[in-house]
Amino acid sequence: MQSDVVDLKNISFEEALSELENIVRELESGQIKLDDAVTAYEKAVALKKICQDKLAAAALKVEKIETGLDGTLKTVPLDNVEA
């Protein structure tokens, strides 16, 4: 298993995804000790959550909430917003 310690609090989406892909490759190789595999799996779960949270935050930044004529709420991409 990789011994690099990455600060997950300040990791970018791209770094988290890359780390996650590396862990998956390591686990799929079958060449990792059980204890290391468990640790890698725990880190992978944390990285997956980070990626999901960053994607959700990005989606919120590129959508606008609008109220329809019937009062229902919907989201629209920002590029559809009239200036």
Protein backbone atom coordinates (compact mmCIF):
# COMPACT_ATOMS: atom_id res chain seq x y z
CA MET A 1 0.00 0.00 0.00
CA GLN A 2 1.07 3.54 -0.69
CA SER A 3 2.72 5.17 2.32
CA ASP A 4 2.03 8.75 1.21
CA VAL A 5 -0.09 10.57 3.75
CA VAL A 6 -2.53 12.94 2.09
CA ASP A 7 -4.38 15.65 4.02
CA LEU A 8 -7.98 14.80 3.17
CA LYS A 9 -9.30 18.11 4.55
CA ASN A 10 -7.63 20.18 1.83
CA ILE A 11 -7.57 17.67 -1.02
CA SER A 12 -8.91 18.71 -4.41
CA PHE A 13 -11.51 16.68 -6.29
CA GLU A 14 -8.90 15.60 -8.82
CA GLU A 15 -6.45 14.50 -6.13
CA ALA A 16 -9.16 12.61 -4.25
CA LEU A 17 -10.29 10.84 -7.41
CA SER A 18 -6.73 9.91 -8.31
CA GLU A 19 -6.08 8.56 -4.81
CA LEU A 20 -9.33 6.59 -4.98
CA GLU A 21 -8.36 5.09 -8.34
CA ASN A 22 -4.94 4.12 -6.95
CA ILE A 23 -6.53 2.39 -3.97
CA VAL A 24 -8.92 0.48 -6.22
CA ARG A 25 -6.01 -0.70 -8.37
CA GLU A 26 -4.10 -1.82 -5.27
CA LEU A 27 -7.09 -3.70 -3.88
CA GLU A 28 -7.86 -5.32 -7.23
CA SER A 29 -4.25 -6.50 -7.58
CA GLY A 30 -4.68 -8.81 -4.60
CA GLN A 31 -1.08 -8.07 -3.59
CA ILE A 32 -1.98 -6.14 -0.44
CA LYS A 33 -1.96 -7.46 3.12
CA LEU A 34 -5.31 -7.77 4.87
CA ASP A 35 -4.63 -5.05 7.45
CA ASP A 36 -3.45 -2.70 4.72
CA ALA A 37 -6.50 -3.59 2.62
CA VAL A 38 -8.84 -2.67 5.47
CA THR A 39 -7.03 0.64 5.97
CA ALA A 40 -7.11 1.31 2.23
CA TYR A 41 -10.83 0.53 2.11
CA GLU A 42 -11.53 2.97 4.96
CA LYS A 43 -9.56 5.67 3.16
CA ALA A 44 -11.41 4.87 -0.08
CA VAL A 45 -14.75 5.38 1.66
CA ALA A 46 -13.60 8.79 2.92
CA LEU A 47 -12.30 9.74 -0.54
CA LYS A 48 -15.57 8.67 -2.16
CA LYS A 49 -17.51 10.93 0.22
CA ILE A 50 -15.15 13.82 -0.51
CA CYS A 51 -15.67 13.35 -4.26
CA GLN A 52 -19.46 13.15 -3.86
CA ASP A 53 -19.53 16.26 -1.66
CA LYS A 54 -17.35 18.25 -4.06
CA LEU A 55 -19.50 17.21 -7.04
CA ALA A 56 -22.67 18.20 -5.18
CA ALA A 57 -21.16 21.57 -4.26
CA ALA A 58 -20.12 22.15 -7.87
CA ALA A 59 -23.61 21.27 -9.09
CA LEU A 60 -25.12 23.84 -6.72
CA LYS A 61 -22.78 26.50 -8.05
CA VAL A 62 -23.86 25.92 -11.64
CA GLU A 63 -27.60 25.75 -11.02
CA LYS A 64 -30.13 28.36 -10.03
CA ILE A 65 -33.36 27.67 -8.18
CA GLU A 66 -36.41 29.20 -9.87
CA THR A 67 -40.08 29.32 -8.96
CA GLY A 68 -42.37 28.18 -11.75
CA LEU A 69 -45.66 29.89 -12.63
CA ASP A 70 -47.51 27.23 -10.62
CA GLY A 71 -45.33 27.90 -7.56
CA THR A 72 -43.19 24.79 -7.86
CA LEU A 73 -39.46 25.04 -7.38
CA LYS A 74 -37.03 23.81 -9.99
CA THR A 75 -33.36 24.16 -10.76
CA VAL A 76 -32.05 25.45 -14.05
CA PRO A 77 -28.49 25.66 -15.34
CA LEU A 78 -26.93 29.09 -14.87
CA ASP A 79 -26.40 29.44 -18.62
CA ASN A 80 -30.22 29.56 -18.99
CA VAL A 81 -30.51 32.51 -16.62
CA GLU A 82 -31.43 35.75 -18.31
CA ALA A 83 -29.18 38.70 -17.48
